Amino acid sequence: MIIPFKNIFFREGIIFFFLIIFFILLSNKELLAHESWLEKNSNTGDKTLIDIMVGQNFNGTPFGFYSKEKEKLYLDNNNIIKNIEQRDGDFPAIQLKLDNNFFNVINYETKYIFLKYDNIEKFENFVKEQDFLDILSSYNANKLPTENYKRFSKILISNSNDFFQQSSKLDFELIALNSPFDKRNEFFKFKLLNNGKPLGNFQIKIFTKNKEIFNQEIIKTKPNGEGQIRIVRDRVYLLSAVNIFKSNFIQNLKLKSDWVSHWATLAFFPSYNY
């Protein structure tokens, strides 16, 4: 009976340590304002391990699982939802059994996170980078902006040509229109949706990388919210979109911030032995 108790105390100690580190990083709001995405780590036994990454330009730090930050975490197979349960302190953050003969979409939505900018320049640089230049003519430059941001992250995983198109389930999301794992597809096609409606002429950042190369480009969606990119095998892909908008009356009462931003990411690795 001594060994199990030791294991329990050891695990609780790891969780406590992780939470301390998390809150230290949480205090660095500028870090957490960066992008977040899901990235496949490895397989162990019968489980697939996935990291929750936080960073920018497809270069980030893996975070362990923290339930108080999670709004939703689920697996979508053919529009059948299976909630994914994890324990605080799990690292890698997401550990689940997957049948790779299916087209798997893992979805992670965070709760809102509050941010107060240190200076006006950081806010201005942020909205310029995300192509929201009209905001610069409508905000109060004499007040430090406040913001609440929420992340909607997805990763596609499959070893087959199986595919289904997701129905819209998130407030802001990128949805695959074909499978990047099907070698018959030269292009990966996708759609950007906001509250279930397509966002046309909207900026999408495309990141690709492997051990030798890193590439970034910016494209715009078509009027119907759709876009496409050419697939190069053995590169990891990350698509990223950010929506920034003024808080309405109800949001201001609830969130108590001037601005709201939603971050949507979609990641995949079109190798045949994923």
C-alpha atoms as a PDB file:
ATOM      1  CA  MET A   1       0.000   0.000   0.000  1.00  0.00           C
ATOM      2  CA  ILE A   2       2.994   2.326   0.403  1.00  0.00           C
ATOM      3  CA  ILE A   3       3.851   2.437  -3.295  1.00  0.00           C
ATOM      4  CA  PRO A   4       0.381   3.551  -4.461  1.00  0.00           C
ATOM      5  CA  PHE A   5       0.417   6.390  -1.938  1.00  0.00           C
ATOM      6  CA  LYS A   6       3.837   7.453  -3.200  1.00  0.00           C
ATOM      7  CA  ASN A   7       2.513   7.418  -6.746  1.00  0.00           C
ATOM      8  CA  ILE A   8      -0.476   9.527  -5.727  1.00  0.00           C
ATOM      9  CA  PHE A   9       1.694  12.088  -3.935  1.00  0.00           C
ATOM     10  CA  PHE A  10       4.146  12.134  -6.830  1.00  0.00           C
ATOM     11  CA  ARG A  11       1.366  12.815  -9.332  1.00  0.00           C
ATOM     12  CA  GLU A  12      -0.183  15.495  -7.125  1.00  0.00           C
ATOM     13  CA  GLY A  13       3.236  17.104  -6.826  1.00  0.00           C
ATOM     14  CA  ILE A  14       3.642  17.132 -10.604  1.00  0.00           C
ATOM     15  CA  ILE A  15       0.202  18.707 -11.034  1.00  0.00           C
ATOM     16  CA  PHE A  16       0.991  21.335  -8.379  1.00  0.00           C
ATOM     17  CA  PHE A  17       4.308  22.132 -10.069  1.00  0.00           C
ATOM     18  CA  PHE A  18       2.606  22.403 -13.447  1.00  0.00           C
ATOM     19  CA  LEU A  19      -0.052  24.748 -12.097  1.00  0.00           C
ATOM     20  CA  ILE A  20       2.596  26.996 -10.549  1.00  0.00           C
ATOM     21  CA  ILE A  21       4.390  27.226 -13.897  1.00  0.00           C
ATOM     22  CA  PHE A  22       1.070  27.840 -15.640  1.00  0.00           C
ATOM     23  CA  PHE A  23       0.167  30.777 -13.419  1.00  0.00           C
ATOM     24  CA  ILE A  24       3.655  32.241 -13.810  1.00  0.00           C
ATOM     25  CA  LEU A  25       3.170  32.141 -17.555  1.00  0.00           C
ATOM     26  CA  LEU A  26      -0.389  33.395 -17.180  1.00  0.00           C
ATOM     27  CA  SER A  27       0.957  36.525 -15.527  1.00  0.00           C
ATOM     28  CA  ASN A  28       2.920  37.168 -18.701  1.00  0.00           C
ATOM     29  CA  LYS A  29      -0.147  38.212 -20.676  1.00  0.00           C
ATOM     30  CA  GLU A  30       1.893  39.177 -23.700  1.00  0.00           C
ATOM     31  CA  LEU A  31       3.021  35.544 -24.064  1.00  0.00           C
ATOM     32  CA  LEU A  32      -0.490  34.134 -23.761  1.00  0.00           C
ATOM     33  CA  ALA A  33      -1.789  36.648 -26.296  1.00  0.00           C
ATOM     34  CA  HIS A  34       0.203  34.763 -28.910  1.00  0.00           C
ATOM     35  CA  GLU A  35      -1.274  32.101 -31.094  1.00  0.00           C
ATOM     36  CA  SER A  36      -2.214  28.618 -29.952  1.00  0.00           C
ATOM     37  CA  TRP A  37      -2.503  25.432 -32.007  1.00  0.00           C
ATOM     38  CA  LEU A  38      -2.552  21.647 -31.704  1.00  0.00           C
ATOM     39  CA  GLU A  39       0.537  19.732 -32.773  1.00  0.00           C
ATOM     40  CA  LYS A  40       1.008  15.968 -32.898  1.00  0.00           C
ATOM     41  CA  ASN A  41       3.688  14.776 -30.508  1.00  0.00           C
ATOM     42  CA  SER A  42       4.000  11.001 -30.953  1.00  0.00           C
ATOM     43  CA  ASN A  43       2.278   7.682 -30.352  1.00  0.00           C
ATOM     44  CA  THR A  44       2.781   5.646 -27.210  1.00  0.00           C
ATOM     45  CA  GLY A  45       1.191   2.235 -26.954  1.00  0.00           C
ATOM     46  CA  ASP A  46      -2.350   2.612 -28.283  1.00  0.00           C
ATOM     47  CA  LYS A  47      -2.560   6.362 -27.636  1.00  0.00           C
ATOM     48  CA  THR A  48      -1.932   9.381 -29.834  1.00  0.00           C
ATOM     49  CA  LEU A  49      -0.249  12.282 -28.005  1.00  0.00           C
ATOM     50  CA  ILE A  50      -1.029  15.877 -28.983  1.00  0.00           C
ATOM     51  CA  ASP A  51       0.505  19.075 -27.611  1.00  0.00           C
ATOM     52  CA  ILE A  52      -1.314  22.334 -26.973  1.00  0.00           C
ATOM     53  CA  MET A  53       1.231  24.808 -28.326  1.00  0.00           C
ATOM     54  CA  VAL A  54       1.450  28.517 -27.489  1.00  0.00           C
ATOM     55  CA  GLY A  55       3.723  30.837 -29.442  1.00  0.00           C
ATOM     56  CA  GLN A  56       3.881  32.604 -32.761  1.00  0.00           C
ATOM     57  CA  ASN A  57       4.959  31.944 -36.351  1.00  0.00           C
ATOM     58  CA  PHE A  58       4.551  28.172 -35.819  1.00  0.00           C
ATOM     59  CA  ASN A  59       7.221  28.223 -33.132  1.00  0.00           C
ATOM     60  CA  GLY A  60       5.915  27.603 -29.645  1.00  0.00           C
ATOM     61  CA  THR A  61       6.046  25.932 -26.263  1.00  0.00           C
ATOM     62  CA  PRO A  62       3.897  22.899 -25.334  1.00  0.00           C
ATOM     63  CA  PHE A  63       1.516  23.401 -22.410  1.00  0.00           C
ATOM     64  CA  GLY A  64       0.078  20.707 -20.179  1.00  0.00           C
ATOM     65  CA  PHE A  65      -3.667  20.268 -19.791  1.00  0.00           C
ATOM     66  CA  TYR A  66      -5.483  22.721 -17.516  1.00  0.00           C
ATOM     67  CA  SER A  67      -9.230  22.160 -17.204  1.00  0.00           C
ATOM     68  CA  LYS A  68     -10.076  25.706 -16.069  1.00  0.00           C
ATOM     69  CA  GLU A  69      -8.846  27.062 -19.401  1.00  0.00           C
ATOM     70  CA  LYS A  70     -10.876  24.564 -21.477  1.00  0.00           C
ATOM     71  CA  GLU A  71     -14.317  25.353 -22.865  1.00  0.00           C
ATOM     72  CA  LYS A  72     -14.577  22.346 -25.215  1.00  0.00           C
ATOM     73  CA  LEU A  73     -12.353  19.422 -26.182  1.00  0.00           C
ATOM     74  CA  TYR A  74     -13.752  16.777 -28.484  1.00  0.00           C
ATOM     75  CA  LEU A  75     -13.122  14.348 -31.332  1.00  0.00           C
ATOM     76  CA  ASP A  76     -15.289  14.743 -34.435  1.00  0.00           C
ATOM     77  CA  ASN A  77     -15.770  11.652 -36.638  1.00  0.00           C
ATOM     78  CA  ASN A  78     -18.331  12.004 -39.410  1.00  0.00           C
ATOM     79  CA  ASN A  79     -20.029  14.739 -37.354  1.00  0.00           C
ATOM     80  CA  ILE A  80     -20.375  12.417 -34.387  1.00  0.00           C
ATOM     81  CA  ILE A  81     -18.945  14.124 -31.303  1.00  0.00           C
ATOM     82  CA  LYS A  82     -16.971  12.339 -28.605  1.00  0.00           C
ATOM     83  CA  ASN A  83     -15.837  14.490 -25.689  1.00  0.00           C
ATOM     84  CA  ILE A  84     -12.200  14.004 -24.681  1.00  0.00           C
ATOM     85  CA  GLU A  85     -11.570  13.854 -20.946  1.00  0.00           C
ATOM     86  CA  GLN A  86      -8.136  14.762 -19.601  1.00  0.00           C
ATOM     87  CA  ARG A  87      -6.688  15.329 -16.131  1.00  0.00           C
ATOM     88  CA  ASP A  88      -4.986  18.493 -14.936  1.00  0.00           C
ATOM     89  CA  GLY A  89      -1.269  18.085 -15.380  1.00  0.00           C
ATOM     90  CA  ASP A  90      -1.471  15.670 -18.330  1.00  0.00           C
ATOM     91  CA  PHE A  91       1.578  16.236 -20.503  1.00  0.00           C
ATOM     92  CA  PRO A  92       1.351  16.030 -23.465  1.00  0.00           C
ATOM     93  CA  ALA A  93      -1.950  17.772 -22.900  1.00  0.00           C
ATOM     94  CA  ILE A  94      -4.145  15.533 -25.091  1.00  0.00           C
ATOM     95  CA  GLN A  95      -3.844  11.749 -24.984  1.00  0.00           C
ATOM     96  CA  LEU A  96      -6.442   9.629 -26.742  1.00  0.00           C
ATOM     97  CA  LYS A  97      -7.034   6.460 -28.738  1.00  0.00           C
ATOM     98  CA  LEU A  98      -7.587   7.093 -32.440  1.00  0.00           C
ATOM     99  CA  ASP A  99      -8.564   4.849 -35.325  1.00  0.00           C
ATOM    100  CA  ASN A 100      -6.441   6.305 -38.107  1.00  0.00           C
ATOM    101  CA  ASN A 101      -8.525   4.546 -40.740  1.00  0.00           C
ATOM    102  CA  PHE A 102     -10.968   7.408 -40.226  1.00  0.00           C
ATOM    103  CA  PHE A 103     -10.679  11.142 -40.839  1.00  0.00           C
ATOM    104  CA  ASN A 104     -10.181  12.455 -37.294  1.00  0.00           C
ATOM    105  CA  VAL A 105     -10.714  16.094 -36.301  1.00  0.00           C
ATOM    106  CA  ILE A 106      -9.643  17.020 -32.759  1.00  0.00           C
ATOM    107  CA  ASN A 107     -11.184  20.308 -31.629  1.00  0.00           C
ATOM    108  CA  TYR A 108     -10.101  22.467 -28.690  1.00  0.00           C
ATOM    109  CA  GLU A 109     -11.816  25.679 -27.578  1.00  0.00           C
ATOM    110  CA  THR A 110     -10.569  27.777 -24.668  1.00  0.00           C
ATOM    111  CA  LYS A 111     -12.464  30.053 -22.345  1.00  0.00           C
ATOM    112  CA  TYR A 112     -11.986  33.790 -22.746  1.00  0.00           C
ATOM    113  CA  ILE A 113      -8.714  35.205 -21.440  1.00  0.00           C
ATOM    114  CA  PHE A 114      -8.490  38.846 -20.378  1.00  0.00           C
ATOM    115  CA  LEU A 115      -5.665  41.081 -21.553  1.00  0.00           C
ATOM    116  CA  LYS A 116      -4.816  44.713 -20.836  1.00  0.00           C
ATOM    117  CA  TYR A 117      -2.245  46.218 -23.172  1.00  0.00           C
ATOM    118  CA  ASP A 118       0.852  47.830 -21.700  1.00  0.00           C
ATOM    119  CA  ASN A 119       0.852  50.553 -24.346  1.00  0.00           C
ATOM    120  CA  ILE A 120      -1.084  51.730 -27.381  1.00  0.00           C
ATOM    121  CA  GLU A 121       1.666  50.717 -29.812  1.00  0.00           C
ATOM    122  CA  LYS A 122       1.270  47.008 -29.040  1.00  0.00           C
ATOM    123  CA  PHE A 123      -2.441  47.168 -29.775  1.00  0.00           C
ATOM    124  CA  GLU A 124      -1.860  49.117 -32.988  1.00  0.00           C
ATOM    125  CA  ASN A 125       0.794  46.659 -34.159  1.00  0.00           C
ATOM    126  CA  PHE A 126      -1.551  43.770 -33.397  1.00  0.00           C
ATOM    127  CA  VAL A 127      -4.478  45.115 -35.431  1.00  0.00           C
ATOM    128  CA  LYS A 128      -2.146  46.073 -38.311  1.00  0.00           C
ATOM    129  CA  GLU A 129      -0.649  42.584 -38.408  1.00  0.00           C
ATOM    130  CA  GLN A 130      -4.129  41.049 -38.528  1.00  0.00           C
ATOM    131  CA  ASP A 131      -5.274  43.421 -41.307  1.00  0.00           C
ATOM    132  CA  PHE A 132      -7.885  45.328 -39.301  1.00  0.00           C
ATOM    133  CA  LEU A 133      -6.762  48.815 -40.287  1.00  0.00           C
ATOM    134  CA  ASP A 134     -10.257  50.266 -39.905  1.00  0.00           C
ATOM    135  CA  ILE A 135      -9.951  49.783 -36.127  1.00  0.00           C
ATOM    136  CA  LEU A 136      -7.175  52.394 -36.045  1.00  0.00           C
ATOM    137  CA  SER A 137      -9.719  55.076 -36.946  1.00  0.00           C
ATOM    138  CA  SER A 138     -12.315  54.027 -34.382  1.00  0.00           C
ATOM    139  CA  TYR A 139     -10.551  53.282 -31.092  1.00  0.00           C
ATOM    140  CA  ASN A 140      -9.787  55.612 -28.187  1.00  0.00           C
ATOM    141  CA  ALA A 141      -6.057  56.350 -28.422  1.00  0.00           C
ATOM    142  CA  ASN A 142      -6.115  58.012 -24.986  1.00  0.00           C
ATOM    143  CA  LYS A 143      -7.046  54.807 -23.163  1.00  0.00           C
ATOM    144  CA  LEU A 144      -5.072  51.578 -22.850  1.00  0.00           C
ATOM    145  CA  PRO A 145      -7.161  48.955 -24.686  1.00  0.00           C
ATOM    146  CA  THR A 146      -8.513  45.854 -22.955  1.00  0.00           C
ATOM    147  CA  GLU A 147      -9.299  42.651 -24.787  1.00  0.00           C
ATOM    148  CA  ASN A 148     -10.727  39.183 -24.245  1.00  0.00           C
ATOM    149  CA  TYR A 149      -9.483  36.497 -26.608  1.00  0.00           C
ATOM    150  CA  LYS A 150     -10.632  32.956 -27.266  1.00  0.00           C
ATOM    151  CA  ARG A 151      -8.886  30.198 -29.231  1.00  0.00           C
ATOM    152  CA  PHE A 152     -10.437  27.601 -31.526  1.00  0.00           C
ATOM    153  CA  SER A 153      -7.799  25.019 -32.469  1.00  0.00           C
ATOM    154  CA  LYS A 154      -8.093  21.931 -34.666  1.00  0.00           C
ATOM    155  CA  ILE A 155      -5.809  19.183 -35.875  1.00  0.00           C
ATOM    156  CA  LEU A 156      -6.548  16.664 -38.640  1.00  0.00           C
ATOM    157  CA  ILE A 157      -5.193  13.123 -38.267  1.00  0.00           C
ATOM    158  CA  SER A 158      -5.663  10.175 -40.637  1.00  0.00           C
ATOM    159  CA  ASN A 159      -3.804   7.424 -42.468  1.00  0.00           C
ATOM    160  CA  SER A 160      -6.505   6.819 -45.067  1.00  0.00           C
ATOM    161  CA  ASN A 161      -8.503   8.528 -47.808  1.00  0.00           C
ATOM    162  CA  ASP A 162     -11.560   8.674 -45.563  1.00  0.00           C
ATOM    163  CA  PHE A 163     -13.131  12.138 -45.391  1.00  0.00           C
ATOM    164  CA  PHE A 164     -16.189  13.963 -44.117  1.00  0.00           C
ATOM    165  CA  GLN A 165     -16.989  17.671 -44.050  1.00  0.00           C
ATOM    166  CA  GLN A 166     -17.599  19.032 -40.579  1.00  0.00           C
ATOM    167  CA  SER A 167     -20.786  20.887 -39.845  1.00  0.00           C
ATOM    168  CA  SER A 168     -20.165  24.198 -38.100  1.00  0.00           C
ATOM    169  CA  LYS A 169     -20.013  23.807 -34.313  1.00  0.00           C
ATOM    170  CA  LEU A 170     -17.722  26.645 -33.199  1.00  0.00           C
ATOM    171  CA  ASP A 171     -18.123  30.433 -33.203  1.00  0.00           C
ATOM    172  CA  PHE A 172     -15.030  30.900 -35.372  1.00  0.00           C
ATOM    173  CA  GLU A 173     -13.408  28.045 -37.270  1.00  0.00           C
ATOM    174  CA  LEU A 174     -11.584  26.674 -40.266  1.00  0.00           C
ATOM    175  CA  ILE A 175     -13.260  23.650 -41.855  1.00  0.00           C
ATOM    176  CA  ALA A 176     -11.599  21.192 -44.243  1.00  0.00           C
ATOM    177  CA  LEU A 177     -13.381  20.778 -47.597  1.00  0.00           C
ATOM    178  CA  ASN A 178     -11.235  17.816 -48.668  1.00  0.00           C
ATOM    179  CA  SER A 179      -8.607  15.548 -47.148  1.00  0.00           C
ATOM    180  CA  PRO A 180      -4.930  16.577 -47.202  1.00  0.00           C
ATOM    181  CA  PHE A 181      -4.090  12.883 -46.637  1.00  0.00           C
ATOM    182  CA  ASP A 182      -5.610  11.719 -49.921  1.00  0.00           C
ATOM    183  CA  LYS A 183      -2.748  11.612 -52.449  1.00  0.00           C
ATOM    184  CA  ARG A 184      -5.206  12.320 -55.265  1.00  0.00           C
ATOM    185  CA  ASN A 185      -5.660  15.855 -53.899  1.00  0.00           C
ATOM    186  CA  GLU A 186      -3.017  18.271 -55.156  1.00  0.00           C
ATOM    187  CA  PHE A 187      -4.638  21.116 -53.210  1.00  0.00           C
ATOM    188  CA  PHE A 188      -6.084  21.330 -49.723  1.00  0.00           C
ATOM    189  CA  LYS A 189      -9.370  23.216 -49.708  1.00  0.00           C
ATOM    190  CA  PHE A 190     -10.925  24.881 -46.671  1.00  0.00           C
ATOM    191  CA  LYS A 191     -13.580  27.349 -45.549  1.00  0.00           C
ATOM    192  CA  LEU A 192     -13.496  30.050 -42.852  1.00  0.00           C
ATOM    193  CA  LEU A 193     -16.726  30.450 -40.857  1.00  0.00           C
ATOM    194  CA  ASN A 194     -17.841  33.009 -38.300  1.00  0.00           C
ATOM    195  CA  ASN A 195     -20.971  31.963 -36.387  1.00  0.00           C
ATOM    196  CA  GLY A 196     -21.631  29.445 -39.159  1.00  0.00           C
ATOM    197  CA  LYS A 197     -21.412  32.048 -41.944  1.00  0.00           C
ATOM    198  CA  PRO A 198     -18.540  32.234 -44.461  1.00  0.00           C
ATOM    199  CA  LEU A 199     -16.026  35.062 -44.133  1.00  0.00           C
ATOM    200  CA  GLY A 200     -14.974  36.311 -47.556  1.00  0.00           C
ATOM    201  CA  ASN A 201     -11.895  38.376 -48.433  1.00  0.00           C
ATOM    202  CA  PHE A 202     -10.430  37.511 -45.046  1.00  0.00           C
ATOM    203  CA  GLN A 203      -6.734  37.125 -44.181  1.00  0.00           C
ATOM    204  CA  ILE A 204      -5.395  33.608 -43.589  1.00  0.00           C
ATOM    205  CA  LYS A 205      -1.797  32.953 -42.576  1.00  0.00           C
ATOM    206  CA  ILE A 206      -0.293  29.726 -43.899  1.00  0.00           C
ATOM    207  CA  PHE A 207       2.734  28.223 -42.154  1.00  0.00           C
ATOM    208  CA  THR A 208       4.666  25.155 -43.340  1.00  0.00           C
ATOM    209  CA  LYS A 209       7.743  23.541 -41.888  1.00  0.00           C
ATOM    210  CA  ASN A 210       9.932  20.462 -41.647  1.00  0.00           C
ATOM    211  CA  LYS A 211      13.460  19.959 -40.305  1.00  0.00           C
ATOM    212  CA  GLU A 212      14.995  21.887 -43.187  1.00  0.00           C
ATOM    213  CA  ILE A 213      12.529  24.610 -44.146  1.00  0.00           C
ATOM    214  CA  PHE A 214      10.056  27.115 -42.744  1.00  0.00           C
ATOM    215  CA  ASN A 215       7.694  29.113 -44.907  1.00  0.00           C
ATOM    216  CA  GLN A 216       4.973  31.674 -44.258  1.00  0.00           C
ATOM    217  CA  GLU A 217       2.509  33.251 -46.659  1.00  0.00           C
ATOM    218  CA  ILE A 218      -0.708  35.225 -46.429  1.00  0.00           C
ATOM    219  CA  ILE A 219      -3.739  34.566 -48.613  1.00  0.00           C
ATOM    220  CA  LYS A 220      -7.287  35.917 -48.719  1.00  0.00           C
ATOM    221  CA  THR A 221     -10.432  33.815 -48.781  1.00  0.00           C
ATOM    222  CA  LYS A 222     -12.768  34.026 -51.755  1.00  0.00           C
ATOM    223  CA  PRO A 223     -16.125  35.840 -51.359  1.00  0.00           C
ATOM    224  CA  ASN A 224     -17.676  32.493 -50.315  1.00  0.00           C
ATOM    225  CA  GLY A 225     -15.120  32.105 -47.500  1.00  0.00           C
ATOM    226  CA  GLU A 226     -13.197  29.347 -49.254  1.00  0.00           C
ATOM    227  CA  GLY A 227      -9.502  29.039 -49.985  1.00  0.00           C
ATOM    228  CA  GLN A 228      -6.954  26.491 -51.099  1.00  0.00           C
ATOM    229  CA  ILE A 229      -3.249  25.790 -50.828  1.00  0.00           C
ATOM    230  CA  ARG A 230      -0.971  23.422 -52.707  1.00  0.00           C
ATOM    231  CA  ILE A 231       0.101  20.404 -50.636  1.00  0.00           C
ATOM    232  CA  VAL A 232       3.758  19.443 -50.318  1.00  0.00           C
ATOM    233  CA  ARG A 233       4.201  16.062 -48.643  1.00  0.00           C
ATOM    234  CA  ASP A 234       6.287  15.657 -45.474  1.00  0.00           C
ATOM    235  CA  ARG A 235       5.689  19.198 -44.305  1.00  0.00           C
ATOM    236  CA  VAL A 236       3.579  20.168 -41.306  1.00  0.00           C
ATOM    237  CA  TYR A 237       0.900  22.773 -42.031  1.00  0.00           C
ATOM    238  CA  LEU A 238      -0.762  25.401 -39.877  1.00  0.00           C
ATOM    239  CA  LEU A 239      -3.560  27.680 -41.078  1.00  0.00           C
ATOM    240  CA  SER A 240      -4.384  30.647 -38.855  1.00  0.00           C
ATOM    241  CA  ALA A 241      -7.096  33.322 -38.862  1.00  0.00           C
ATOM    242  CA  VAL A 242      -7.856  36.066 -36.328  1.00  0.00           C
ATOM    243  CA  ASN A 243     -11.080  38.053 -35.996  1.00  0.00           C
ATOM    244  CA  ILE A 244     -11.092  41.277 -33.938  1.00  0.00           C
ATOM    245  CA  PHE A 245     -14.249  43.168 -33.097  1.00  0.00           C
ATOM    246  CA  LYS A 246     -15.628  45.765 -30.713  1.00  0.00           C
ATOM    247  CA  SER A 247     -17.465  44.399 -27.694  1.00  0.00           C
ATOM    248  CA  ASN A 248     -21.204  44.892 -27.918  1.00  0.00           C
ATOM    249  CA  PHE A 249     -23.252  45.936 -24.874  1.00  0.00           C
ATOM    250  CA  ILE A 250     -23.840  42.391 -23.580  1.00  0.00           C
ATOM    251  CA  GLN A 251     -20.253  41.305 -24.191  1.00  0.00           C
ATOM    252  CA  ASN A 252     -18.985  44.390 -22.414  1.00  0.00           C
ATOM    253  CA  LEU A 253     -21.106  43.597 -19.369  1.00  0.00           C
ATOM    254  CA  LYS A 254     -19.956  39.988 -19.304  1.00  0.00           C
ATOM    255  CA  LEU A 255     -16.321  40.250 -20.388  1.00  0.00           C
ATOM    256  CA  LYS A 256     -15.578  43.824 -19.311  1.00  0.00           C
ATOM    257  CA  SER A 257     -13.236  44.552 -22.194  1.00  0.00           C
ATOM    258  CA  ASP A 258     -13.214  47.014 -25.077  1.00  0.00           C
ATOM    259  CA  TRP A 259     -12.338  44.425 -27.711  1.00  0.00           C
ATOM    260  CA  VAL A 260     -12.796  40.721 -28.411  1.00  0.00           C
ATOM    261  CA  SER A 261     -10.588  38.542 -30.601  1.00  0.00           C
ATOM    262  CA  HIS A 262     -11.194  35.014 -31.845  1.00  0.00           C
ATOM    263  CA  TRP A 263      -8.288  32.858 -33.051  1.00  0.00           C
ATOM    264  CA  ALA A 264      -8.878  29.880 -35.346  1.00  0.00           C
ATOM    265  CA  THR A 265      -6.119  27.420 -36.271  1.00  0.00           C
ATOM    266  CA  LEU A 266      -6.085  24.214 -38.303  1.00  0.00           C
ATOM    267  CA  ALA A 267      -3.035  21.933 -38.374  1.00  0.00           C
ATOM    268  CA  PHE A 268      -2.179  18.744 -40.281  1.00  0.00           C
ATOM    269  CA  PHE A 269       0.749  16.696 -41.587  1.00  0.00           C
ATOM    270  CA  PRO A 270      -0.043  15.155 -45.013  1.00  0.00           C
ATOM    271  CA  SER A 271       2.397  12.263 -44.690  1.00  0.00           C
ATOM    272  CA  TYR A 272       1.033   8.789 -45.368  1.00  0.00           C
ATOM    273  CA  ASN A 273       2.520   7.342 -42.211  1.00  0.00           C
ATOM    274  CA  TYR A 274       1.212   9.852 -39.728  1.00  0.00           C
END
